[in-house]
Amino acid sequence: MLVRRSQTTRRDTILAYVRLTKPRIIELLLVTTVPVMILAEGGWPSSGLVIATVAGGTLSAGGANVLNNVCDRDIDSIMHRTAERPLVTQEITVRSAVVFGVTLGIAGHLLLTLAVGQLAAFLATGSLLFYVFAYTLVLKRRTAQNIVIGGAAGAVPVLVGWAAVTGSLSFEALVLFAVVCLWTPPHFWALAIQFRDDYREASVPMLPVVAGVPATIRQIRIYAFLTAPAPLLLGFGSVVGPIFIVLAAALGIWLVVRVVQISEDRAMSFFRDSISYLSLLFAAVAVEGFFNLPN
């Protein structure tokens, strides 16, 4: 019985460390990385390069999320949605979490530097630092526009994927970066509407708390209306053709239809729809990369 209890404890501790990295957020980030690599290559890149880029990006994003947990532990202890996070429940000590987060960040930077390239490593680590210091410690606690600015950190994997293949950035990479930046506020604000009481109790100035739900819905619509046509700007470049333009236009129309229908009661429905939109859009990016049909 003692051995079994010890094994369960170790397993629970490992799972707690994994939860600190916020795997579901990392999955969403990586949804954008690999398709961009395919587009940049005009087909499937080296499998070794893809694995190294995904692994390095996972380590960097995981490190950022762990350190975000460290910085937000006071807020997390107040909000019902986050009250079971490992630092709140003291499954993991603050010191251990800091060491873990920093180690992941360093490991991600080294892996990307050695196996992918210096630009990709610089972008990933820069995103980590921006997310922890600019967004988590400053913007999140001081302005209702926190996610508008801080959301750029979540768009950096697009740039990492392009830089991994080409060693540089381009018009196409910047357009896709802008798409994710525009997509992030309506996506996150829909979630914030659902959990606005939590944010209010924790004194976090999320837009639904500061401006109210009707004003937030108006902002969600504005940003969704801007997001929908933004991918079509890739048509002015040289790496996409009619397949992508048609798919992106159809997805944009669908996003507009769904955001027009948003209400306080349908906020979580739009939140899920926004995830589907981004996933399908970058699936279209991958399709275009494989077919590689220029205008």
C-alpha atoms as a PDB file:
ATOM      1  CA  MET A   1       0.000   0.000   0.000  1.00  0.00           C
ATOM      2  CA  LEU A   2       2.817   2.400   0.770  1.00  0.00           C
ATOM      3  CA  VAL A   3       4.423   1.835  -2.627  1.00  0.00           C
ATOM      4  CA  ARG A   4       1.140   2.388  -4.427  1.00  0.00           C
ATOM      5  CA  ARG A   5       0.493   5.632  -2.530  1.00  0.00           C
ATOM      6  CA  SER A   6       4.001   6.873  -3.393  1.00  0.00           C
ATOM      7  CA  GLN A   7       3.474   6.104  -7.073  1.00  0.00           C
ATOM      8  CA  THR A   8       0.154   7.964  -7.066  1.00  0.00           C
ATOM      9  CA  THR A   9       1.797  10.964  -5.450  1.00  0.00           C
ATOM     10  CA  ARG A  10       4.539  11.080  -8.058  1.00  0.00           C
ATOM     11  CA  ARG A  11       1.972  10.794 -10.833  1.00  0.00           C
ATOM     12  CA  ASP A  12      -0.115  13.599  -9.358  1.00  0.00           C
ATOM     13  CA  THR A  13       2.971  15.793  -9.056  1.00  0.00           C
ATOM     14  CA  ILE A  14       3.947  15.175 -12.669  1.00  0.00           C
ATOM     15  CA  LEU A  15       0.409  15.980 -13.812  1.00  0.00           C
ATOM     16  CA  ALA A  16       0.488  19.169 -11.723  1.00  0.00           C
ATOM     17  CA  TYR A  17       3.650  20.300 -13.502  1.00  0.00           C
ATOM     18  CA  VAL A  18       2.033  19.524 -16.851  1.00  0.00           C
ATOM     19  CA  ARG A  19      -1.047  21.551 -15.879  1.00  0.00           C
ATOM     20  CA  LEU A  20       1.191  24.506 -15.084  1.00  0.00           C
ATOM     21  CA  THR A  21       2.248  24.618 -18.737  1.00  0.00           C
ATOM     22  CA  LYS A  22      -1.417  25.017 -19.878  1.00  0.00           C
ATOM     23  CA  PRO A  23      -1.299  22.337 -22.616  1.00  0.00           C
ATOM     24  CA  ARG A  24      -4.564  23.427 -24.250  1.00  0.00           C
ATOM     25  CA  ILE A  25      -3.178  26.891 -24.895  1.00  0.00           C
ATOM     26  CA  ILE A  26       0.028  25.399 -26.319  1.00  0.00           C
ATOM     27  CA  GLU A  27      -2.031  23.224 -28.682  1.00  0.00           C
ATOM     28  CA  LEU A  28      -3.734  26.309 -30.073  1.00  0.00           C
ATOM     29  CA  LEU A  29      -0.395  28.053 -30.568  1.00  0.00           C
ATOM     30  CA  LEU A  30       1.058  25.097 -32.450  1.00  0.00           C
ATOM     31  CA  VAL A  31      -1.988  24.968 -34.722  1.00  0.00           C
ATOM     32  CA  THR A  32      -0.533  28.076 -36.353  1.00  0.00           C
ATOM     33  CA  THR A  33       3.137  27.048 -36.422  1.00  0.00           C
ATOM     34  CA  VAL A  34       3.219  23.936 -38.606  1.00  0.00           C
ATOM     35  CA  PRO A  35       0.866  25.198 -41.363  1.00  0.00           C
ATOM     36  CA  VAL A  36       2.992  28.334 -41.711  1.00  0.00           C
ATOM     37  CA  MET A  37       6.086  26.153 -42.070  1.00  0.00           C
ATOM     38  CA  ILE A  38       4.337  24.218 -44.844  1.00  0.00           C
ATOM     39  CA  LEU A  39       3.387  27.443 -46.618  1.00  0.00           C
ATOM     40  CA  ALA A  40       6.907  28.844 -46.308  1.00  0.00           C
ATOM     41  CA  GLU A  41       8.415  25.631 -47.682  1.00  0.00           C
ATOM     42  CA  GLY A  42       5.823  25.123 -50.423  1.00  0.00           C
ATOM     43  CA  GLY A  43       5.329  21.592 -49.113  1.00  0.00           C
ATOM     44  CA  TRP A  44       6.337  19.505 -46.137  1.00  0.00           C
ATOM     45  CA  PRO A  45       9.624  20.784 -44.636  1.00  0.00           C
ATOM     46  CA  SER A  46      12.243  18.493 -43.173  1.00  0.00           C
ATOM     47  CA  SER A  47      10.564  16.363 -40.501  1.00  0.00           C
ATOM     48  CA  GLY A  48      13.515  16.992 -38.220  1.00  0.00           C
ATOM     49  CA  LEU A  49      13.035  20.734 -38.598  1.00  0.00           C
ATOM     50  CA  VAL A  50       9.315  20.457 -37.851  1.00  0.00           C
ATOM     51  CA  ILE A  51       9.941  18.332 -34.756  1.00  0.00           C
ATOM     52  CA  ALA A  52      12.638  20.681 -33.465  1.00  0.00           C
ATOM     53  CA  THR A  53      10.494  23.760 -34.088  1.00  0.00           C
ATOM     54  CA  VAL A  54       7.433  22.252 -32.414  1.00  0.00           C
ATOM     55  CA  ALA A  55       9.494  20.966 -29.487  1.00  0.00           C
ATOM     56  CA  GLY A  56      11.304  24.263 -29.010  1.00  0.00           C
ATOM     57  CA  GLY A  57       8.087  26.236 -29.336  1.00  0.00           C
ATOM     58  CA  THR A  58       6.365  23.947 -26.836  1.00  0.00           C
ATOM     59  CA  LEU A  59       9.153  24.402 -24.316  1.00  0.00           C
ATOM     60  CA  SER A  60       9.135  28.195 -24.697  1.00  0.00           C
ATOM     61  CA  ALA A  61       5.351  28.478 -24.533  1.00  0.00           C
ATOM     62  CA  GLY A  62       5.246  26.086 -21.601  1.00  0.00           C
ATOM     63  CA  GLY A  63       7.836  28.151 -19.764  1.00  0.00           C
ATOM     64  CA  ALA A  64       5.846  31.315 -20.394  1.00  0.00           C
ATOM     65  CA  ASN A  65       2.673  29.709 -19.079  1.00  0.00           C
ATOM     66  CA  VAL A  66       4.385  28.379 -15.963  1.00  0.00           C
ATOM     67  CA  LEU A  67       5.767  31.812 -15.128  1.00  0.00           C
ATOM     68  CA  ASN A  68       2.348  33.296 -15.848  1.00  0.00           C
ATOM     69  CA  ASN A  69       0.972  30.946 -13.191  1.00  0.00           C
ATOM     70  CA  VAL A  70       3.612  32.181 -10.764  1.00  0.00           C
ATOM     71  CA  CYS A  71       2.784  35.842 -11.366  1.00  0.00           C
ATOM     72  CA  ASP A  72      -0.983  35.306 -11.293  1.00  0.00           C
ATOM     73  CA  ARG A  73      -1.222  33.057  -8.244  1.00  0.00           C
ATOM     74  CA  ASP A  74      -2.807  35.831  -6.169  1.00  0.00           C
ATOM     75  CA  ILE A  75      -5.484  36.409  -8.804  1.00  0.00           C
ATOM     76  CA  ASP A  76      -5.961  32.685  -9.413  1.00  0.00           C
ATOM     77  CA  SER A  77      -6.700  32.082  -5.736  1.00  0.00           C
ATOM     78  CA  ILE A  78      -9.689  34.456  -5.940  1.00  0.00           C
ATOM     79  CA  MET A  79     -11.201  33.350  -9.255  1.00  0.00           C
ATOM     80  CA  HIS A  80     -13.372  30.218  -9.244  1.00  0.00           C
ATOM     81  CA  ARG A  81     -12.181  29.231 -12.728  1.00  0.00           C
ATOM     82  CA  THR A  82      -8.541  29.065 -11.617  1.00  0.00           C
ATOM     83  CA  ALA A  83      -8.843  28.102  -7.957  1.00  0.00           C
ATOM     84  CA  GLU A  84      -7.611  24.549  -8.627  1.00  0.00           C
ATOM     85  CA  ARG A  85      -4.367  25.512 -10.325  1.00  0.00           C
ATOM     86  CA  PRO A  86      -1.331  23.797  -8.769  1.00  0.00           C
ATOM     87  CA  LEU A  87       0.193  26.900  -7.193  1.00  0.00           C
ATOM     88  CA  VAL A  88      -3.105  27.838  -5.585  1.00  0.00           C
ATOM     89  CA  THR A  89      -3.601  24.368  -4.144  1.00  0.00           C
ATOM     90  CA  GLN A  90       0.095  24.288  -3.161  1.00  0.00           C
ATOM     91  CA  GLU A  91       0.703  21.055  -5.023  1.00  0.00           C
ATOM     92  CA  ILE A  92       3.853  22.757  -6.288  1.00  0.00           C
ATOM     93  CA  THR A  93       5.899  25.400  -4.491  1.00  0.00           C
ATOM     94  CA  VAL A  94       6.500  28.819  -6.001  1.00  0.00           C
ATOM     95  CA  ARG A  95      10.245  28.239  -6.069  1.00  0.00           C
ATOM     96  CA  SER A  96       9.857  24.922  -7.894  1.00  0.00           C
ATOM     97  CA  ALA A  97       7.527  26.538 -10.417  1.00  0.00           C
ATOM     98  CA  VAL A  98       9.962  29.394 -11.078  1.00  0.00           C
ATOM     99  CA  VAL A  99      12.821  26.952 -11.614  1.00  0.00           C
ATOM    100  CA  PHE A 100      10.635  24.822 -13.870  1.00  0.00           C
ATOM    101  CA  GLY A 101       9.437  27.774 -15.955  1.00  0.00           C
ATOM    102  CA  VAL A 102      12.894  29.280 -16.386  1.00  0.00           C
ATOM    103  CA  THR A 103      14.341  25.869 -17.260  1.00  0.00           C
ATOM    104  CA  LEU A 104      11.711  25.308 -19.930  1.00  0.00           C
ATOM    105  CA  GLY A 105      12.350  28.750 -21.400  1.00  0.00           C
ATOM    106  CA  ILE A 106      16.118  28.242 -21.524  1.00  0.00           C
ATOM    107  CA  ALA A 107      15.739  24.741 -22.957  1.00  0.00           C
ATOM    108  CA  GLY A 108      13.406  26.038 -25.656  1.00  0.00           C
ATOM    109  CA  HIS A 109      15.800  28.828 -26.589  1.00  0.00           C
ATOM    110  CA  LEU A 110      18.787  26.469 -26.768  1.00  0.00           C
ATOM    111  CA  LEU A 111      16.923  23.875 -28.821  1.00  0.00           C
ATOM    112  CA  LEU A 112      15.669  26.444 -31.299  1.00  0.00           C
ATOM    113  CA  THR A 113      19.100  28.084 -31.541  1.00  0.00           C
ATOM    114  CA  LEU A 114      20.952  24.826 -32.160  1.00  0.00           C
ATOM    115  CA  ALA A 115      18.420  22.964 -34.309  1.00  0.00           C
ATOM    116  CA  VAL A 116      16.323  25.652 -36.008  1.00  0.00           C
ATOM    117  CA  GLY A 117      17.964  29.074 -36.121  1.00  0.00           C
ATOM    118  CA  GLN A 118      18.783  32.164 -34.125  1.00  0.00           C
ATOM    119  CA  LEU A 119      15.869  34.224 -35.425  1.00  0.00           C
ATOM    120  CA  ALA A 120      13.312  31.595 -34.432  1.00  0.00           C
ATOM    121  CA  ALA A 121      14.930  31.300 -30.996  1.00  0.00           C
ATOM    122  CA  PHE A 122      14.969  35.071 -30.518  1.00  0.00           C
ATOM    123  CA  LEU A 123      11.300  35.363 -31.485  1.00  0.00           C
ATOM    124  CA  ALA A 124      10.180  32.552 -29.168  1.00  0.00           C
ATOM    125  CA  THR A 125      12.126  33.864 -26.194  1.00  0.00           C
ATOM    126  CA  GLY A 126      11.043  37.421 -26.908  1.00  0.00           C
ATOM    127  CA  SER A 127       7.446  36.223 -26.870  1.00  0.00           C
ATOM    128  CA  LEU A 128       8.010  34.531 -23.501  1.00  0.00           C
ATOM    129  CA  LEU A 129       9.452  37.692 -21.977  1.00  0.00           C
ATOM    130  CA  PHE A 130       6.726  39.894 -23.449  1.00  0.00           C
ATOM    131  CA  TYR A 131       3.970  37.588 -22.197  1.00  0.00           C
ATOM    132  CA  VAL A 132       5.345  37.367 -18.667  1.00  0.00           C
ATOM    133  CA  PHE A 133       6.583  40.896 -18.074  1.00  0.00           C
ATOM    134  CA  ALA A 134       4.537  43.131 -20.384  1.00  0.00           C
ATOM    135  CA  TYR A 135       1.205  41.305 -20.410  1.00  0.00           C
ATOM    136  CA  THR A 136       1.015  39.385 -17.126  1.00  0.00           C
ATOM    137  CA  LEU A 137       2.715  41.836 -14.775  1.00  0.00           C
ATOM    138  CA  VAL A 138       1.727  45.150 -16.355  1.00  0.00           C
ATOM    139  CA  LEU A 139      -1.057  45.171 -18.941  1.00  0.00           C
ATOM    140  CA  LYS A 140      -3.361  42.545 -17.447  1.00  0.00           C
ATOM    141  CA  ARG A 141      -3.632  44.396 -14.149  1.00  0.00           C
ATOM    142  CA  ARG A 142      -3.774  47.962 -15.449  1.00  0.00           C
ATOM    143  CA  THR A 143      -5.767  48.330 -18.652  1.00  0.00           C
ATOM    144  CA  ALA A 144      -8.891  46.939 -20.284  1.00  0.00           C
ATOM    145  CA  GLN A 145      -6.895  46.857 -23.535  1.00  0.00           C
ATOM    146  CA  ASN A 146      -4.569  44.253 -22.035  1.00  0.00           C
ATOM    147  CA  ILE A 147      -5.385  41.487 -24.488  1.00  0.00           C
ATOM    148  CA  VAL A 148      -5.279  43.830 -27.511  1.00  0.00           C
ATOM    149  CA  ILE A 149      -1.595  44.485 -26.862  1.00  0.00           C
ATOM    150  CA  GLY A 150      -0.632  41.369 -24.944  1.00  0.00           C
ATOM    151  CA  GLY A 151      -2.267  39.090 -27.483  1.00  0.00           C
ATOM    152  CA  ALA A 152       0.686  39.696 -29.788  1.00  0.00           C
ATOM    153  CA  ALA A 153       2.609  37.127 -27.748  1.00  0.00           C
ATOM    154  CA  GLY A 154       0.213  34.438 -28.914  1.00  0.00           C
ATOM    155  CA  ALA A 155       0.741  35.423 -32.539  1.00  0.00           C
ATOM    156  CA  VAL A 156       4.526  35.019 -32.463  1.00  0.00           C
ATOM    157  CA  PRO A 157       4.461  31.239 -33.246  1.00  0.00           C
ATOM    158  CA  VAL A 158       3.435  32.270 -36.767  1.00  0.00           C
ATOM    159  CA  LEU A 159       6.682  34.198 -37.101  1.00  0.00           C
ATOM    160  CA  VAL A 160       8.671  31.378 -35.487  1.00  0.00           C
ATOM    161  CA  GLY A 161       7.316  28.888 -38.021  1.00  0.00           C
ATOM    162  CA  TRP A 162       8.190  31.114 -40.978  1.00  0.00           C
ATOM    163  CA  ALA A 163      11.635  31.950 -39.615  1.00  0.00           C
ATOM    164  CA  ALA A 164      12.340  28.269 -38.979  1.00  0.00           C
ATOM    165  CA  VAL A 165      12.000  27.498 -42.690  1.00  0.00           C
ATOM    166  CA  THR A 166      13.353  30.642 -44.314  1.00  0.00           C
ATOM    167  CA  GLY A 167      15.635  32.164 -41.675  1.00  0.00           C
ATOM    168  CA  SER A 168      13.860  35.485 -42.202  1.00  0.00           C
ATOM    169  CA  LEU A 169      10.449  37.145 -42.079  1.00  0.00           C
ATOM    170  CA  SER A 170       8.263  38.257 -44.972  1.00  0.00           C
ATOM    171  CA  PHE A 171       5.074  40.040 -45.938  1.00  0.00           C
ATOM    172  CA  GLU A 172       3.132  36.777 -45.707  1.00  0.00           C
ATOM    173  CA  ALA A 173       4.415  36.033 -42.213  1.00  0.00           C
ATOM    174  CA  LEU A 174       3.499  39.516 -41.028  1.00  0.00           C
ATOM    175  CA  VAL A 175      -0.011  39.244 -42.495  1.00  0.00           C
ATOM    176  CA  LEU A 176      -0.651  35.967 -40.682  1.00  0.00           C
ATOM    177  CA  PHE A 177       0.808  37.461 -37.509  1.00  0.00           C
ATOM    178  CA  ALA A 178      -1.641  40.358 -37.847  1.00  0.00           C
ATOM    179  CA  VAL A 179      -4.533  37.937 -38.392  1.00  0.00           C
ATOM    180  CA  VAL A 180      -3.849  36.198 -35.081  1.00  0.00           C
ATOM    181  CA  CYS A 181      -3.410  39.558 -33.331  1.00  0.00           C
ATOM    182  CA  LEU A 182      -6.823  40.712 -34.618  1.00  0.00           C
ATOM    183  CA  TRP A 183      -8.441  37.361 -33.798  1.00  0.00           C
ATOM    184  CA  THR A 184      -7.238  37.250 -30.181  1.00  0.00           C
ATOM    185  CA  PRO A 185      -9.333  40.061 -28.601  1.00  0.00           C
ATOM    186  CA  PRO A 186     -12.761  38.813 -29.748  1.00  0.00           C
ATOM    187  CA  HIS A 187     -11.769  35.252 -28.883  1.00  0.00           C
ATOM    188  CA  PHE A 188     -10.661  36.158 -25.374  1.00  0.00           C
ATOM    189  CA  TRP A 189     -13.354  38.742 -24.672  1.00  0.00           C
ATOM    190  CA  ALA A 190     -16.025  36.117 -25.383  1.00  0.00           C
ATOM    191  CA  LEU A 191     -14.473  34.004 -22.616  1.00  0.00           C
ATOM    192  CA  ALA A 192     -14.173  37.052 -20.372  1.00  0.00           C
ATOM    193  CA  ILE A 193     -17.911  37.714 -20.692  1.00  0.00           C
ATOM    194  CA  GLN A 194     -18.599  34.251 -19.321  1.00  0.00           C
ATOM    195  CA  PHE A 195     -16.222  34.748 -16.389  1.00  0.00           C
ATOM    196  CA  ARG A 196     -16.626  38.479 -15.816  1.00  0.00           C
ATOM    197  CA  ASP A 197     -17.707  37.996 -12.186  1.00  0.00           C
ATOM    198  CA  ASP A 198     -14.432  36.186 -11.499  1.00  0.00           C
ATOM    199  CA  TYR A 199     -12.420  39.018 -13.048  1.00  0.00           C
ATOM    200  CA  ARG A 200     -14.457  41.615 -11.149  1.00  0.00           C
ATOM    201  CA  GLU A 201     -13.865  39.827  -7.850  1.00  0.00           C
ATOM    202  CA  ALA A 202     -10.123  39.636  -8.564  1.00  0.00           C
ATOM    203  CA  SER A 203     -10.020  43.331  -9.650  1.00  0.00           C
ATOM    204  CA  VAL A 204      -8.698  42.440 -13.109  1.00  0.00           C
ATOM    205  CA  PRO A 205      -9.808  45.156 -15.585  1.00  0.00           C
ATOM    206  CA  MET A 206     -11.024  42.913 -18.376  1.00  0.00           C
ATOM    207  CA  LEU A 207     -13.228  44.743 -20.869  1.00  0.00           C
ATOM    208  CA  PRO A 208     -16.571  43.207 -19.762  1.00  0.00           C
ATOM    209  CA  VAL A 209     -15.830  44.346 -16.198  1.00  0.00           C
ATOM    210  CA  VAL A 210     -14.755  47.876 -17.130  1.00  0.00           C
ATOM    211  CA  ALA A 211     -17.061  48.650 -20.061  1.00  0.00           C
ATOM    212  CA  GLY A 212     -19.921  46.195 -19.594  1.00  0.00           C
ATOM    213  CA  VAL A 213     -21.194  43.350 -21.758  1.00  0.00           C
ATOM    214  CA  PRO A 214     -22.951  45.383 -24.518  1.00  0.00           C
ATOM    215  CA  ALA A 215     -19.824  47.480 -25.147  1.00  0.00           C
ATOM    216  CA  THR A 216     -17.684  44.331 -25.148  1.00  0.00           C
ATOM    217  CA  ILE A 217     -19.935  42.686 -27.706  1.00  0.00           C
ATOM    218  CA  ARG A 218     -19.580  45.751 -29.939  1.00  0.00           C
ATOM    219  CA  GLN A 219     -15.790  45.494 -29.672  1.00  0.00           C
ATOM    220  CA  ILE A 220     -15.914  41.764 -30.391  1.00  0.00           C
ATOM    221  CA  ARG A 221     -17.837  42.471 -33.573  1.00  0.00           C
ATOM    222  CA  ILE A 222     -15.459  45.214 -34.674  1.00  0.00           C
ATOM    223  CA  TYR A 223     -12.399  43.008 -34.258  1.00  0.00           C
ATOM    224  CA  ALA A 224     -14.113  40.014 -35.879  1.00  0.00           C
ATOM    225  CA  PHE A 225     -15.109  42.208 -38.849  1.00  0.00           C
ATOM    226  CA  LEU A 226     -11.442  43.220 -39.155  1.00  0.00           C
ATOM    227  CA  THR A 227     -10.221  39.647 -38.778  1.00  0.00           C
ATOM    228  CA  ALA A 228     -12.449  38.175 -41.490  1.00  0.00           C
ATOM    229  CA  PRO A 229     -10.913  39.970 -44.526  1.00  0.00           C
ATOM    230  CA  ALA A 230      -7.361  40.198 -43.167  1.00  0.00           C
ATOM    231  CA  PRO A 231      -6.148  36.806 -44.542  1.00  0.00           C
ATOM    232  CA  LEU A 232      -7.122  37.940 -48.035  1.00  0.00           C
ATOM    233  CA  LEU A 233      -4.181  40.342 -47.917  1.00  0.00           C
ATOM    234  CA  LEU A 234      -2.023  37.302 -48.648  1.00  0.00           C
ATOM    235  CA  GLY A 235      -3.342  37.562 -52.186  1.00  0.00           C
ATOM    236  CA  PHE A 236      -1.031  40.549 -52.672  1.00  0.00           C
ATOM    237  CA  GLY A 237       1.980  38.310 -52.009  1.00  0.00           C
ATOM    238  CA  SER A 238       3.405  35.531 -54.105  1.00  0.00           C
ATOM    239  CA  VAL A 239       2.826  32.326 -52.130  1.00  0.00           C
ATOM    240  CA  VAL A 240      -0.957  31.845 -52.146  1.00  0.00           C
ATOM    241  CA  GLY A 241      -3.382  31.259 -54.935  1.00  0.00           C
ATOM    242  CA  PRO A 242      -7.111  30.793 -55.531  1.00  0.00           C
ATOM    243  CA  ILE A 243      -7.519  27.786 -53.232  1.00  0.00           C
ATOM    244  CA  PHE A 244      -6.557  29.748 -50.160  1.00  0.00           C
ATOM    245  CA  ILE A 245      -8.418  32.902 -51.180  1.00  0.00           C
ATOM    246  CA  VAL A 246     -11.682  30.988 -51.634  1.00  0.00           C
ATOM    247  CA  LEU A 247     -11.307  29.075 -48.366  1.00  0.00           C
ATOM    248  CA  ALA A 248     -10.290  32.170 -46.400  1.00  0.00           C
ATOM    249  CA  ALA A 249     -13.188  34.182 -47.838  1.00  0.00           C
ATOM    250  CA  ALA A 250     -15.688  31.449 -46.942  1.00  0.00           C
ATOM    251  CA  LEU A 251     -14.335  31.202 -43.408  1.00  0.00           C
ATOM    252  CA  GLY A 252     -14.436  34.989 -43.072  1.00  0.00           C
ATOM    253  CA  ILE A 253     -18.093  35.060 -44.087  1.00  0.00           C
ATOM    254  CA  TRP A 254     -18.861  32.316 -41.568  1.00  0.00           C
ATOM    255  CA  LEU A 255     -17.040  34.228 -38.808  1.00  0.00           C
ATOM    256  CA  VAL A 256     -19.015  37.390 -39.579  1.00  0.00           C
ATOM    257  CA  VAL A 257     -22.311  35.485 -39.513  1.00  0.00           C
ATOM    258  CA  ARG A 258     -21.448  33.929 -36.160  1.00  0.00           C
ATOM    259  CA  VAL A 259     -20.314  37.189 -34.569  1.00  0.00           C
ATOM    260  CA  VAL A 260     -23.463  38.987 -35.702  1.00  0.00           C
ATOM    261  CA  GLN A 261     -25.396  36.373 -33.715  1.00  0.00           C
ATOM    262  CA  ILE A 262     -23.355  36.803 -30.543  1.00  0.00           C
ATOM    263  CA  SER A 263     -25.103  37.773 -27.318  1.00  0.00           C
ATOM    264  CA  GLU A 264     -24.356  37.497 -23.630  1.00  0.00           C
ATOM    265  CA  ASP A 265     -25.886  34.013 -23.582  1.00  0.00           C
ATOM    266  CA  ARG A 266     -24.000  32.948 -26.727  1.00  0.00           C
ATOM    267  CA  ALA A 267     -20.580  34.219 -25.721  1.00  0.00           C
ATOM    268  CA  MET A 268     -19.122  30.759 -25.101  1.00  0.00           C
ATOM    269  CA  SER A 269     -20.608  29.523 -28.350  1.00  0.00           C
ATOM    270  CA  PHE A 270     -18.708  32.250 -30.204  1.00  0.00           C
ATOM    271  CA  PHE A 271     -15.590  31.456 -28.154  1.00  0.00           C
ATOM    272  CA  ARG A 272     -15.709  27.896 -29.506  1.00  0.00           C
ATOM    273  CA  ASP A 273     -16.516  29.134 -33.002  1.00  0.00           C
ATOM    274  CA  SER A 274     -13.451  31.390 -32.931  1.00  0.00           C
ATOM    275  CA  ILE A 275     -11.241  28.390 -32.163  1.00  0.00           C
ATOM    276  CA  SER A 276     -12.776  26.519 -35.085  1.00  0.00           C
ATOM    277  CA  TYR A 277     -12.227  29.524 -37.345  1.00  0.00           C
ATOM    278  CA  LEU A 278      -8.535  29.816 -36.535  1.00  0.00           C
ATOM    279  CA  SER A 279      -7.954  26.071 -36.825  1.00  0.00           C
ATOM    280  CA  LEU A 280      -9.702  25.867 -40.194  1.00  0.00           C
ATOM    281  CA  LEU A 281      -7.970  28.990 -41.495  1.00  0.00           C
ATOM    282  CA  PHE A 282      -4.545  27.567 -40.779  1.00  0.00           C
ATOM    283  CA  ALA A 283      -5.609  24.222 -42.190  1.00  0.00           C
ATOM    284  CA  ALA A 284      -6.285  26.206 -45.367  1.00  0.00           C
ATOM    285  CA  VAL A 285      -2.778  27.687 -45.056  1.00  0.00           C
ATOM    286  CA  ALA A 286      -1.392  24.149 -44.969  1.00  0.00           C
ATOM    287  CA  VAL A 287      -3.489  23.090 -47.973  1.00  0.00           C
ATOM    288  CA  GLU A 288      -2.195  26.065 -49.944  1.00  0.00           C
ATOM    289  CA  GLY A 289       1.358  25.191 -48.964  1.00  0.00           C
ATOM    290  CA  PHE A 290       1.009  21.656 -50.252  1.00  0.00           C
ATOM    291  CA  PHE A 291      -0.656  22.651 -53.526  1.00  0.00           C
ATOM    292  CA  ASN A 292       1.584  25.720 -53.895  1.00  0.00           C
ATOM    293  CA  LEU A 293      -0.504  27.342 -56.591  1.00  0.00           C
ATOM    294  CA  PRO A 294       0.619  30.954 -57.097  1.00  0.00           C
ATOM    295  CA  ASN A 295      -1.650  33.671 -58.400  1.00  0.00           C
END
